[in-house]
Amino acid sequence: MSGERLSAMIRVFLMLLISICGFLLSGTWIREQETSIVLLVLHMAGAGQTYHGEGTSIAVAHGSGGPFVAVLTPACSSWPSVLALISLALVVPRVSMGRRLALAISAGMFVFIGNIVRIAASVAVGLWVGPASLVLFHNFVGSMFGFAYTFAGFVWMIILLMPPRGIPLDQPYREGGGESAYVSGAF
């Protein structure tokens, strides 16, 4: 087995290990932080009748449809998407570990912030229109928004990964002094 192939297999193994262990070991703590930040955002927006409930729940005392509790479940967290982006950054070939870490953090923050906005918007809809509307917003609009910010975080990571001159071709360009040929975005 070649060294390059072994290196790729090790990176894939690390990707799986980080994803599974990261989710199992820190998923609850991340959701608690997301819950606290969502409450901060809601309070800054004037939704003072929201409170931190038990664990990862948000209690709404005086919504238009009466009091209710919104629970941030593992599926509602940004953590699985962030772990996926971290894992993808690990398997990027020929990029330094420092750059991989910067890519993962940058894309992960994009996803984390997008998820905070999605959860806060869902609770706000429930607060102002009623709990049934929270469920509808969360299931339809929130799901589309979740896909959009995760995809945007991935695209952001790809953009940061691109070299400034374009993508080098495998074969060197011989006519122009022996430098490698590059493909740029403009043809």
Foldseek 3Di string as FASTA:
>chain_A
DDPVVVLLVVLLVVLVVCLVCVCVPCLQVQLQVLQVVLVVVCVVVPQPQWDCDPRNKIWRQAAPAHIDIDGCDSVLALSNLLSNLLSVLSNDPPDDPVLSVVLSVQLSVQLRVLSSVLLSVLVVCCRHPNDVSSVVCCVPVVVVSNVVSSVVSNVSSVVSVADPQAAFDPDADPPPPRHTDHDDPPD
